[in-house]
Amino acid sequence: VETFGTSKISYDKIIDIINDVFDLRPAAIIEQLNLRRPI
């Protein structure tokens, strides 16, 4: 993550939030964003 000095919280906290909230494995992305359709 790069916030260019505009972050309100620490870098480590942002990474922890991303890991807790988002599953960034391809199958999870495809399912969460419903990508197997003609959009």
PDB file of all heavy atoms in Angstrom:
ATOM      1  N   VAL A   1       0.843  -1.193   0.000  1.00  0.00           N
ATOM      2  CA  VAL A   1       0.000   0.000   0.000  1.00  0.00           C
ATOM      3  C   VAL A   1       0.877   1.241   0.000  1.00  0.00           C
ATOM      4  O   VAL A   1       1.908   1.283   0.676  1.00  0.00           O
ATOM      5  CB  VAL A   1      -0.918   0.035   1.246  1.00  0.00           C
ATOM      6  CG1 VAL A   1      -1.847   1.247   1.201  1.00  0.00           C
ATOM      7  CG2 VAL A   1      -1.716  -1.243   1.381  1.00  0.00           C
ATOM      8  N   GLU A   2       0.466   2.262  -0.752  1.00  0.00           N
ATOM      9  CA  GLU A   2       1.112   3.573  -0.701  1.00  0.00           C
ATOM     10  C   GLU A   2       0.022   4.630  -0.555  1.00  0.00           C
ATOM     11  O   GLU A   2      -0.904   4.689  -1.376  1.00  0.00           O
ATOM     12  CB  GLU A   2       1.923   3.819  -1.970  1.00  0.00           C
ATOM     13  CG  GLU A   2       2.569   5.186  -2.040  1.00  0.00           C
ATOM     14  CD  GLU A   2       3.522   5.445  -0.884  1.00  0.00           C
ATOM     15  OE1 GLU A   2       4.637   4.890  -0.897  1.00  0.00           O
ATOM     16  OE2 GLU A   2       3.122   6.185   0.038  1.00  0.00           O
ATOM     17  N   THR A   3       0.097   5.436   0.489  1.00  0.00           N
ATOM     18  CA  THR A   3      -0.900   6.489   0.723  1.00  0.00           C
ATOM     19  C   THR A   3      -0.316   7.886   0.566  1.00  0.00           C
ATOM     20  O   THR A   3      -1.007   8.875   0.800  1.00  0.00           O
ATOM     21  CB  THR A   3      -1.522   6.360   2.127  1.00  0.00           C
ATOM     22  OG1 THR A   3      -0.502   6.563   3.117  1.00  0.00           O
ATOM     23  CG2 THR A   3      -2.166   4.992   2.317  1.00  0.00           C
ATOM     24  N   PHE A   4       0.945   7.997   0.190  1.00  0.00           N
ATOM     25  CA  PHE A   4       1.597   9.281  -0.094  1.00  0.00           C
ATOM     26  C   PHE A   4       1.471  10.260   1.073  1.00  0.00           C
ATOM     27  O   PHE A   4       1.245  11.465   0.889  1.00  0.00           O
ATOM     28  CB  PHE A   4       1.024   9.886  -1.384  1.00  0.00           C
ATOM     29  CG  PHE A   4       1.091   8.940  -2.545  1.00  0.00           C
ATOM     30  CD1 PHE A   4      -0.007   8.152  -2.883  1.00  0.00           C
ATOM     31  CD2 PHE A   4       2.255   8.792  -3.279  1.00  0.00           C
ATOM     32  CE1 PHE A   4       0.058   7.249  -3.941  1.00  0.00           C
ATOM     33  CE2 PHE A   4       2.325   7.892  -4.335  1.00  0.00           C
ATOM     34  CZ  PHE A   4       1.224   7.114  -4.661  1.00  0.00           C
ATOM     35  N   GLY A   5       1.576   9.718   2.276  1.00  0.00           N
ATOM     36  CA  GLY A   5       1.548  10.559   3.469  1.00  0.00           C
ATOM     37  C   GLY A   5       0.176  11.012   3.907  1.00  0.00           C
ATOM     38  O   GLY A   5       0.064  11.858   4.803  1.00  0.00           O
ATOM     39  N   THR A   6      -0.893  10.456   3.315  1.00  0.00           N
ATOM     40  CA  THR A   6      -2.254  10.911   3.654  1.00  0.00           C
ATOM     41  C   THR A   6      -2.997   9.945   4.570  1.00  0.00           C
ATOM     42  O   THR A   6      -4.163  10.166   4.881  1.00  0.00           O
ATOM     43  CB  THR A   6      -3.096  11.113   2.375  1.00  0.00           C
ATOM     44  OG1 THR A   6      -3.338   9.837   1.749  1.00  0.00           O
ATOM     45  CG2 THR A   6      -2.389  12.043   1.400  1.00  0.00           C
ATOM     46  N   SER A   7      -2.341   8.883   5.016  1.00  0.00           N
ATOM     47  CA  SER A   7      -3.016   7.881   5.833  1.00  0.00           C
ATOM     48  C   SER A   7      -3.302   8.402   7.240  1.00  0.00           C
ATOM     49  O   SER A   7      -2.499   9.124   7.833  1.00  0.00           O
ATOM     50  CB  SER A   7      -2.175   6.609   5.921  1.00  0.00           C
ATOM     51  OG  SER A   7      -2.775   5.677   6.798  1.00  0.00           O
ATOM     52  N   LYS A   8      -4.456   7.987   7.774  1.00  0.00           N
ATOM     53  CA  LYS A   8      -4.832   8.340   9.141  1.00  0.00           C
ATOM     54  C   LYS A   8      -4.395   7.272  10.140  1.00  0.00           C
ATOM     55  O   LYS A   8      -4.495   7.481  11.353  1.00  0.00           O
ATOM     56  CB  LYS A   8      -6.357   8.514   9.234  1.00  0.00           C
ATOM     57  CG  LYS A   8      -7.008   9.320   8.115  1.00  0.00           C
ATOM     58  CD  LYS A   8      -6.463  10.730   7.973  1.00  0.00           C
ATOM     59  CE  LYS A   8      -7.318  11.561   7.012  1.00  0.00           C
ATOM     60  NZ  LYS A   8      -7.262  11.127   5.611  1.00  0.00           N
ATOM     61  N   ILE A   9      -3.941   6.122   9.662  1.00  0.00           N
ATOM     62  CA  ILE A   9      -3.513   5.024  10.521  1.00  0.00           C
ATOM     63  C   ILE A   9      -2.189   4.479  10.006  1.00  0.00           C
ATOM     64  O   ILE A   9      -1.712   4.872   8.940  1.00  0.00           O
ATOM     65  CB  ILE A   9      -4.570   3.891  10.585  1.00  0.00           C
ATOM     66  CG1 ILE A   9      -4.822   3.317   9.195  1.00  0.00           C
ATOM     67  CG2 ILE A   9      -5.863   4.402  11.202  1.00  0.00           C
ATOM     68  CD1 ILE A   9      -5.787   2.129   9.177  1.00  0.00           C
ATOM     69  N   SER A  10      -1.584   3.570  10.746  1.00  0.00           N
ATOM     70  CA  SER A  10      -0.270   3.058  10.382  1.00  0.00           C
ATOM     71  C   SER A  10      -0.354   2.130   9.171  1.00  0.00           C
ATOM     72  O   SER A  10      -1.406   1.549   8.870  1.00  0.00           O
ATOM     73  CB  SER A  10       0.348   2.292  11.555  1.00  0.00           C
ATOM     74  OG  SER A  10      -0.341   1.066  11.768  1.00  0.00           O
ATOM     75  N   TYR A  11       0.798   1.977   8.510  1.00  0.00           N
ATOM     76  CA  TYR A  11       0.893   1.058   7.363  1.00  0.00           C
ATOM     77  C   TYR A  11       0.523  -0.361   7.776  1.00  0.00           C
ATOM     78  O   TYR A  11      -0.251  -1.041   7.081  1.00  0.00           O
ATOM     79  CB  TYR A  11       2.318   1.089   6.803  1.00  0.00           C
ATOM     80  CG  TYR A  11       2.531   0.142   5.637  1.00  0.00           C
ATOM     81  CD1 TYR A  11       2.262   0.544   4.336  1.00  0.00           C
ATOM     82  CD2 TYR A  11       3.003  -1.156   5.840  1.00  0.00           C
ATOM     83  CE1 TYR A  11       2.450  -0.320   3.269  1.00  0.00           C
ATOM     84  CE2 TYR A  11       3.194  -2.024   4.780  1.00  0.00           C
ATOM     85  CZ  TYR A  11       2.910  -1.601   3.493  1.00  0.00           C
ATOM     86  OH  TYR A  11       3.084  -2.460   2.443  1.00  0.00           O
ATOM     87  N   ASP A  12       1.067  -0.828   8.892  1.00  0.00           N
ATOM     88  CA  ASP A  12       0.793  -2.196   9.340  1.00  0.00           C
ATOM     89  C   ASP A  12      -0.694  -2.406   9.592  1.00  0.00           C
ATOM     90  O   ASP A  12      -1.235  -3.484   9.303  1.00  0.00           O
ATOM     91  CB  ASP A  12       1.593  -2.511  10.604  1.00  0.00           C
ATOM     92  CG  ASP A  12       3.084  -2.625  10.340  1.00  0.00           C
ATOM     93  OD1 ASP A  12       3.456  -2.806   9.168  1.00  0.00           O
ATOM     94  OD2 ASP A  12       3.875  -2.519  11.300  1.00  0.00           O
ATOM     95  N   LYS A  13      -1.354  -1.393  10.118  1.00  0.00           N
ATOM     96  CA  LYS A  13      -2.791  -1.499  10.384  1.00  0.00           C
ATOM     97  C   LYS A  13      -3.567  -1.619   9.072  1.00  0.00           C
ATOM     98  O   LYS A  13      -4.528  -2.403   8.979  1.00  0.00           O
ATOM     99  CB  LYS A  13      -3.259  -0.264  11.171  1.00  0.00           C
ATOM    100  CG  LYS A  13      -4.744  -0.278  11.537  1.00  0.00           C
ATOM    101  CD  LYS A  13      -5.094  -1.367  12.524  1.00  0.00           C
ATOM    102  CE  LYS A  13      -6.531  -1.244  12.999  1.00  0.00           C
ATOM    103  NZ  LYS A  13      -6.928  -2.347  13.903  1.00  0.00           N
ATOM    104  N   ILE A  14      -3.159  -0.874   8.052  1.00  0.00           N
ATOM    105  CA  ILE A  14      -3.838  -0.973   6.753  1.00  0.00           C
ATOM    106  C   ILE A  14      -3.698  -2.381   6.183  1.00  0.00           C
ATOM    107  O   ILE A  14      -4.672  -2.971   5.694  1.00  0.00           O
ATOM    108  CB  ILE A  14      -3.284   0.063   5.756  1.00  0.00           C
ATOM    109  CG1 ILE A  14      -3.526   1.482   6.260  1.00  0.00           C
ATOM    110  CG2 ILE A  14      -3.942  -0.113   4.382  1.00  0.00           C
ATOM    111  CD1 ILE A  14      -2.884   2.552   5.396  1.00  0.00           C
ATOM    112  N   ILE A  15      -2.489  -2.937   6.238  1.00  0.00           N
ATOM    113  CA  ILE A  15      -2.261  -4.285   5.724  1.00  0.00           C
ATOM    114  C   ILE A  15      -3.116  -5.291   6.500  1.00  0.00           C
ATOM    115  O   ILE A  15      -3.717  -6.209   5.912  1.00  0.00           O
ATOM    116  CB  ILE A  15      -0.772  -4.656   5.798  1.00  0.00           C
ATOM    117  CG1 ILE A  15       0.047  -3.779   4.828  1.00  0.00           C
ATOM    118  CG2 ILE A  15      -0.559  -6.136   5.484  1.00  0.00           C
ATOM    119  CD1 ILE A  15      -0.271  -3.985   3.365  1.00  0.00           C
ATOM    120  N   ASP A  16      -3.196  -5.141   7.814  1.00  0.00           N
ATOM    121  CA  ASP A  16      -4.026  -6.044   8.616  1.00  0.00           C
ATOM    122  C   ASP A  16      -5.492  -5.955   8.203  1.00  0.00           C
ATOM    123  O   ASP A  16      -6.180  -6.983   8.097  1.00  0.00           O
ATOM    124  CB  ASP A  16      -3.893  -5.700  10.110  1.00  0.00           C
ATOM    125  CG  ASP A  16      -2.552  -6.113  10.702  1.00  0.00           C
ATOM    126  OD1 ASP A  16      -1.862  -6.948  10.069  1.00  0.00           O
ATOM    127  OD2 ASP A  16      -2.197  -5.595  11.776  1.00  0.00           O
ATOM    128  N   ILE A  17      -5.975  -4.748   7.951  1.00  0.00           N
ATOM    129  CA  ILE A  17      -7.368  -4.566   7.523  1.00  0.00           C
ATOM    130  C   ILE A  17      -7.603  -5.247   6.179  1.00  0.00           C
ATOM    131  O   ILE A  17      -8.614  -5.942   5.989  1.00  0.00           O
ATOM    132  CB  ILE A  17      -7.717  -3.065   7.454  1.00  0.00           C
ATOM    133  CG1 ILE A  17      -7.813  -2.474   8.860  1.00  0.00           C
ATOM    134  CG2 ILE A  17      -9.027  -2.851   6.688  1.00  0.00           C
ATOM    135  CD1 ILE A  17      -7.987  -0.964   8.886  1.00  0.00           C
ATOM    136  N   ILE A  18      -6.679  -5.059   5.234  1.00  0.00           N
ATOM    137  CA  ILE A  18      -6.833  -5.693   3.923  1.00  0.00           C
ATOM    138  C   ILE A  18      -6.893  -7.211   4.072  1.00  0.00           C
ATOM    139  O   ILE A  18      -7.761  -7.873   3.491  1.00  0.00           O
ATOM    140  CB  ILE A  18      -5.680  -5.285   2.985  1.00  0.00           C
ATOM    141  CG1 ILE A  18      -5.757  -3.792   2.656  1.00  0.00           C
ATOM    142  CG2 ILE A  18      -5.713  -6.109   1.688  1.00  0.00           C
ATOM    143  CD1 ILE A  18      -4.557  -3.262   1.898  1.00  0.00           C
ATOM    144  N   ASN A  19      -5.983  -7.768   4.858  1.00  0.00           N
ATOM    145  CA  ASN A  19      -5.954  -9.224   5.041  1.00  0.00           C
ATOM    146  C   ASN A  19      -7.208  -9.741   5.723  1.00  0.00           C
ATOM    147  O   ASN A  19      -7.673 -10.854   5.437  1.00  0.00           O
ATOM    148  CB  ASN A  19      -4.712  -9.615   5.844  1.00  0.00           C
ATOM    149  CG  ASN A  19      -3.430  -9.434   5.056  1.00  0.00           C
ATOM    150  OD1 ASN A  19      -3.435  -9.481   3.828  1.00  0.00           O
ATOM    151  ND2 ASN A  19      -2.321  -9.218   5.756  1.00  0.00           N
ATOM    152  N   ASP A  20      -7.775  -8.948   6.628  1.00  0.00           N
ATOM    153  CA  ASP A  20      -8.977  -9.376   7.357  1.00  0.00           C
ATOM    154  C   ASP A  20     -10.252  -9.244   6.526  1.00  0.00           C
ATOM    155  O   ASP A  20     -11.166 -10.057   6.649  1.00  0.00           O
ATOM    156  CB  ASP A  20      -9.134  -8.548   8.641  1.00  0.00           C
ATOM    157  CG  ASP A  20      -8.086  -8.886   9.693  1.00  0.00           C
ATOM    158  OD1 ASP A  20      -7.437  -9.946   9.561  1.00  0.00           O
ATOM    159  OD2 ASP A  20      -7.902  -8.081  10.628  1.00  0.00           O
ATOM    160  N   VAL A  21     -10.320  -8.225   5.688  1.00  0.00           N
ATOM    161  CA  VAL A  21     -11.573  -7.885   4.998  1.00  0.00           C
ATOM    162  C   VAL A  21     -11.652  -8.475   3.593  1.00  0.00           C
ATOM    163  O   VAL A  21     -12.737  -8.841   3.125  1.00  0.00           O
ATOM    164  CB  VAL A  21     -11.748  -6.349   4.947  1.00  0.00           C
ATOM    165  CG1 VAL A  21     -12.981  -5.954   4.130  1.00  0.00           C
ATOM    166  CG2 VAL A  21     -11.842  -5.774   6.357  1.00  0.00           C
ATOM    167  N   PHE A  22     -10.522  -8.608   2.912  1.00  0.00           N
ATOM    168  CA  PHE A  22     -10.527  -9.002   1.503  1.00  0.00           C
ATOM    169  C   PHE A  22      -9.793 -10.325   1.301  1.00  0.00           C
ATOM    170  O   PHE A  22      -8.689 -10.519   1.815  1.00  0.00           O
ATOM    171  CB  PHE A  22      -9.866  -7.929   0.637  1.00  0.00           C
ATOM    172  CG  PHE A  22     -10.545  -6.595   0.676  1.00  0.00           C
ATOM    173  CD1 PHE A  22     -10.120  -5.606   1.565  1.00  0.00           C
ATOM    174  CD2 PHE A  22     -11.605  -6.318  -0.162  1.00  0.00           C
ATOM    175  CE1 PHE A  22     -10.740  -4.364   1.606  1.00  0.00           C
ATOM    176  CE2 PHE A  22     -12.235  -5.082  -0.133  1.00  0.00           C
ATOM    177  CZ  PHE A  22     -11.803  -4.101   0.757  1.00  0.00           C
ATOM    178  N   ASP A  23     -10.406 -11.219   0.534  1.00  0.00           N
ATOM    179  CA  ASP A  23      -9.753 -12.447   0.090  1.00  0.00           C
ATOM    180  C   ASP A  23      -9.311 -12.220  -1.342  1.00  0.00           C
ATOM    181  O   ASP A  23     -10.151 -12.107  -2.250  1.00  0.00           O
ATOM    182  CB  ASP A  23     -10.718 -13.633   0.180  1.00  0.00           C
ATOM    183  CG  ASP A  23     -10.035 -14.976  -0.079  1.00  0.00           C
ATOM    184  OD1 ASP A  23      -8.945 -14.984  -0.688  1.00  0.00           O
ATOM    185  OD2 ASP A  23     -10.599 -16.014   0.316  1.00  0.00           O
ATOM    186  N   LEU A  24      -8.012 -12.143  -1.569  1.00  0.00           N
ATOM    187  CA  LEU A  24      -7.478 -11.755  -2.870  1.00  0.00           C
ATOM    188  C   LEU A  24      -6.965 -12.930  -3.686  1.00  0.00           C
ATOM    189  O   LEU A  24      -6.201 -12.753  -4.633  1.00  0.00           O
ATOM    190  CB  LEU A  24      -6.377 -10.706  -2.678  1.00  0.00           C
ATOM    191  CG  LEU A  24      -6.869  -9.401  -2.027  1.00  0.00           C
ATOM    192  CD1 LEU A  24      -5.715  -8.453  -1.757  1.00  0.00           C
ATOM    193  CD2 LEU A  24      -7.922  -8.725  -2.896  1.00  0.00           C
ATOM    194  N   ARG A  25      -7.413 -14.139  -3.355  1.00  0.00           N
ATOM    195  CA  ARG A  25      -7.135 -15.288  -4.209  1.00  0.00           C
ATOM    196  C   ARG A  25      -8.047 -15.221  -5.439  1.00  0.00           C
ATOM    197  O   ARG A  25      -9.197 -14.771  -5.342  1.00  0.00           O
ATOM    198  CB  ARG A  25      -7.351 -16.587  -3.449  1.00  0.00           C
ATOM    199  CG  ARG A  25      -6.368 -16.803  -2.308  1.00  0.00           C
ATOM    200  CD  ARG A  25      -6.705 -18.024  -1.477  1.00  0.00           C
ATOM    201  NE  ARG A  25      -7.964 -17.850  -0.737  1.00  0.00           N
ATOM    202  CZ  ARG A  25      -8.500 -18.791   0.034  1.00  0.00           C
ATOM    203  NH1 ARG A  25      -7.900 -19.968   0.170  1.00  0.00           N
ATOM    204  NH2 ARG A  25      -9.633 -18.555   0.673  1.00  0.00           N
ATOM    205  N   PRO A  26      -7.567 -15.645  -6.623  1.00  0.00           N
ATOM    206  CA  PRO A  26      -8.363 -15.482  -7.846  1.00  0.00           C
ATOM    207  C   PRO A  26      -9.778 -16.046  -7.756  1.00  0.00           C
ATOM    208  O   PRO A  26     -10.737 -15.392  -8.183  1.00  0.00           O
ATOM    209  CB  PRO A  26      -7.530 -16.220  -8.906  1.00  0.00           C
ATOM    210  CG  PRO A  26      -6.128 -16.094  -8.417  1.00  0.00           C
ATOM    211  CD  PRO A  26      -6.210 -16.161  -6.919  1.00  0.00           C
ATOM    212  N   ALA A  27      -9.948 -17.253  -7.207  1.00  0.00           N
ATOM    213  CA  ALA A  27     -11.289 -17.841  -7.120  1.00  0.00           C
ATOM    214  C   ALA A  27     -12.200 -17.005  -6.236  1.00  0.00           C
ATOM    215  O   ALA A  27     -13.395 -16.840  -6.524  1.00  0.00           O
ATOM    216  CB  ALA A  27     -11.206 -19.275  -6.594  1.00  0.00           C
ATOM    217  N   ALA A  28     -11.654 -16.462  -5.148  1.00  0.00           N
ATOM    218  CA  ALA A  28     -12.444 -15.630  -4.247  1.00  0.00           C
ATOM    219  C   ALA A  28     -12.834 -14.313  -4.920  1.00  0.00           C
ATOM    220  O   ALA A  28     -13.975 -13.838  -4.780  1.00  0.00           O
ATOM    221  CB  ALA A  28     -11.669 -15.366  -2.961  1.00  0.00           C
ATOM    222  N   ILE A  29     -11.898 -13.720  -5.659  1.00  0.00           N
ATOM    223  CA  ILE A  29     -12.206 -12.487  -6.390  1.00  0.00           C
ATOM    224  C   ILE A  29     -13.320 -12.737  -7.398  1.00  0.00           C
ATOM    225  O   ILE A  29     -14.286 -11.962  -7.492  1.00  0.00           O
ATOM    226  CB  ILE A  29     -10.948 -11.959  -7.102  1.00  0.00           C
ATOM    227  CG1 ILE A  29      -9.886 -11.525  -6.087  1.00  0.00           C
ATOM    228  CG2 ILE A  29     -11.294 -10.803  -8.042  1.00  0.00           C
ATOM    229  CD1 ILE A  29      -8.531 -11.231  -6.705  1.00  0.00           C
ATOM    230  N   ILE A  30     -13.195 -13.818  -8.158  1.00  0.00           N
ATOM    231  CA  ILE A  30     -14.194 -14.151  -9.177  1.00  0.00           C
ATOM    232  C   ILE A  30     -15.571 -14.322  -8.539  1.00  0.00           C
ATOM    233  O   ILE A  30     -16.579 -13.821  -9.050  1.00  0.00           O
ATOM    234  CB  ILE A  30     -13.779 -15.428  -9.938  1.00  0.00           C
ATOM    235  CG1 ILE A  30     -12.560 -15.141 -10.821  1.00  0.00           C
ATOM    236  CG2 ILE A  30     -14.937 -15.956 -10.786  1.00  0.00           C
ATOM    237  CD1 ILE A  30     -11.908 -16.380 -11.393  1.00  0.00           C
ATOM    238  N   GLU A  31     -15.621 -14.995  -7.392  1.00  0.00           N
ATOM    239  CA  GLU A  31     -16.907 -15.229  -6.732  1.00  0.00           C
ATOM    240  C   GLU A  31     -17.465 -13.953  -6.108  1.00  0.00           C
ATOM    241  O   GLU A  31     -18.636 -13.616  -6.304  1.00  0.00           O
ATOM    242  CB  GLU A  31     -16.756 -16.298  -5.655  1.00  0.00           C
ATOM    243  CG  GLU A  31     -18.065 -16.603  -4.927  1.00  0.00           C
ATOM    244  CD  GLU A  31     -17.921 -17.685  -3.877  1.00  0.00           C
ATOM    245  OE1 GLU A  31     -16.778 -18.027  -3.515  1.00  0.00           O
ATOM    246  OE2 GLU A  31     -18.956 -18.184  -3.401  1.00  0.00           O
ATOM    247  N   GLN A  32     -16.627 -13.221  -5.367  1.00  0.00           N
ATOM    248  CA  GLN A  32     -17.105 -12.022  -4.670  1.00  0.00           C
ATOM    249  C   GLN A  32     -17.570 -10.943  -5.642  1.00  0.00           C
ATOM    250  O   GLN A  32     -18.548 -10.239  -5.367  1.00  0.00           O
ATOM    251  CB  GLN A  32     -15.986 -11.469  -3.783  1.00  0.00           C
ATOM    252  CG  GLN A  32     -15.641 -12.348  -2.595  1.00  0.00           C
ATOM    253  CD  GLN A  32     -14.389 -11.852  -1.885  1.00  0.00           C
ATOM    254  OE1 GLN A  32     -14.475 -11.180  -0.859  1.00  0.00           O
ATOM    255  NE2 GLN A  32     -13.223 -12.168  -2.439  1.00  0.00           N
ATOM    256  N   LEU A  33     -16.882 -10.803  -6.758  1.00  0.00           N
ATOM    257  CA  LEU A  33     -17.233  -9.774  -7.738  1.00  0.00           C
ATOM    258  C   LEU A  33     -18.114 -10.314  -8.862  1.00  0.00           C
ATOM    259  O   LEU A  33     -18.481  -9.560  -9.769  1.00  0.00           O
ATOM    260  CB  LEU A  33     -15.961  -9.148  -8.313  1.00  0.00           C
ATOM    261  CG  LEU A  33     -15.053  -8.448  -7.293  1.00  0.00           C
ATOM    262  CD1 LEU A  33     -13.851  -7.824  -7.998  1.00  0.00           C
ATOM    263  CD2 LEU A  33     -15.810  -7.384  -6.510  1.00  0.00           C
ATOM    264  N   ASN A  34     -18.444 -11.612  -8.807  1.00  0.00           N
ATOM    265  CA  ASN A  34     -19.342 -12.228  -9.789  1.00  0.00           C
ATOM    266  C   ASN A  34     -18.866 -11.937 -11.214  1.00  0.00           C
ATOM    267  O   ASN A  34     -19.588 -11.369 -12.045  1.00  0.00           O
ATOM    268  CB  ASN A  34     -20.774 -11.712  -9.586  1.00  0.00           C
ATOM    269  CG  ASN A  34     -21.801 -12.534 -10.356  1.00  0.00           C
ATOM    270  OD1 ASN A  34     -21.509 -13.634 -10.825  1.00  0.00           O
ATOM    271  ND2 ASN A  34     -22.999 -11.992 -10.494  1.00  0.00           N
ATOM    272  N   LEU A  35     -17.662 -12.373 -11.512  1.00  0.00           N
ATOM    273  CA  LEU A  35     -17.004 -11.999 -12.763  1.00  0.00           C
ATOM    274  C   LEU A  35     -17.248 -12.957 -13.924  1.00  0.00           C
ATOM    275  O   LEU A  35     -16.859 -12.649 -15.052  1.00  0.00           O
ATOM    276  CB  LEU A  35     -15.491 -11.871 -12.526  1.00  0.00           C
ATOM    277  CG  LEU A  35     -15.058 -10.778 -11.545  1.00  0.00           C
ATOM    278  CD1 LEU A  35     -13.547 -10.748 -11.404  1.00  0.00           C
ATOM    279  CD2 LEU A  35     -15.585  -9.410 -11.964  1.00  0.00           C
ATOM    280  N   ARG A  36     -17.865 -14.094 -13.683  1.00  0.00           N
ATOM    281  CA  ARG A  36     -18.096 -15.044 -14.786  1.00  0.00           C
ATOM    282  C   ARG A  36     -19.409 -14.730 -15.497  1.00  0.00           C
ATOM    283  O   ARG A  36     -20.318 -15.560 -15.569  1.00  0.00           O
ATOM    284  CB  ARG A  36     -18.107 -16.477 -14.261  1.00  0.00           C
ATOM    285  CG  ARG A  36     -16.758 -16.969 -13.737  1.00  0.00           C
ATOM    286  CD  ARG A  36     -16.788 -18.463 -13.535  1.00  0.00           C
ATOM    287  NE  ARG A  36     -15.629 -18.993 -12.852  1.00  0.00           N
ATOM    288  CZ  ARG A  36     -14.479 -19.341 -13.434  1.00  0.00           C
ATOM    289  NH1 ARG A  36     -14.348 -19.186 -14.743  1.00  0.00           N
ATOM    290  NH2 ARG A  36     -13.482 -19.844 -12.726  1.00  0.00           N
ATOM    291  N   ARG A  37     -19.527 -13.541 -16.020  1.00  0.00           N
ATOM    292  CA  ARG A  37     -20.731 -13.116 -16.740  1.00  0.00           C
ATOM    293  C   ARG A  37     -20.354 -12.042 -17.759  1.00  0.00           C
ATOM    294  O   ARG A  37     -19.290 -11.410 -17.647  1.00  0.00           O
ATOM    295  CB  ARG A  37     -21.808 -12.616 -15.776  1.00  0.00           C
ATOM    296  CG  ARG A  37     -21.357 -11.518 -14.837  1.00  0.00           C
ATOM    297  CD  ARG A  37     -22.300 -11.346 -13.652  1.00  0.00           C
ATOM    298  NE  ARG A  37     -21.764 -10.378 -12.716  1.00  0.00           N
ATOM    299  CZ  ARG A  37     -22.239  -9.131 -12.567  1.00  0.00           C
ATOM    300  NH1 ARG A  37     -23.273  -8.721 -13.305  1.00  0.00           N
ATOM    301  NH2 ARG A  37     -21.701  -8.306 -11.696  1.00  0.00           N
ATOM    302  N   PRO A  38     -21.220 -11.818 -18.740  1.00  0.00           N
ATOM    303  CA  PRO A  38     -20.851 -10.918 -19.852  1.00  0.00           C
ATOM    304  C   PRO A  38     -21.024  -9.440 -19.506  1.00  0.00           C
ATOM    305  O   PRO A  38     -21.975  -8.785 -19.932  1.00  0.00           O
ATOM    306  CB  PRO A  38     -21.811 -11.359 -20.964  1.00  0.00           C
ATOM    307  CG  PRO A  38     -23.016 -11.876 -20.236  1.00  0.00           C
ATOM    308  CD  PRO A  38     -22.490 -12.529 -18.990  1.00  0.00           C
ATOM    309  N   ILE A  39     -20.067  -8.891 -18.788  1.00  0.00           N
ATOM    310  CA  ILE A  39     -20.136  -7.490 -18.350  1.00  0.00           C
ATOM    311  C   ILE A  39     -18.988  -6.651 -18.906  1.00  0.00           C
ATOM    312  O   ILE A  39     -18.832  -5.491 -18.524  1.00  0.00           O
ATOM    313  CB  ILE A  39     -20.105  -7.411 -16.807  1.00  0.00           C
ATOM    314  CG1 ILE A  39     -18.831  -8.058 -16.252  1.00  0.00           C
ATOM    315  CG2 ILE A  39     -21.355  -8.052 -16.215  1.00  0.00           C
ATOM    316  CD1 ILE A  39     -18.647  -7.878 -14.752  1.00  0.00           C
TER     317      ILE A  39
END
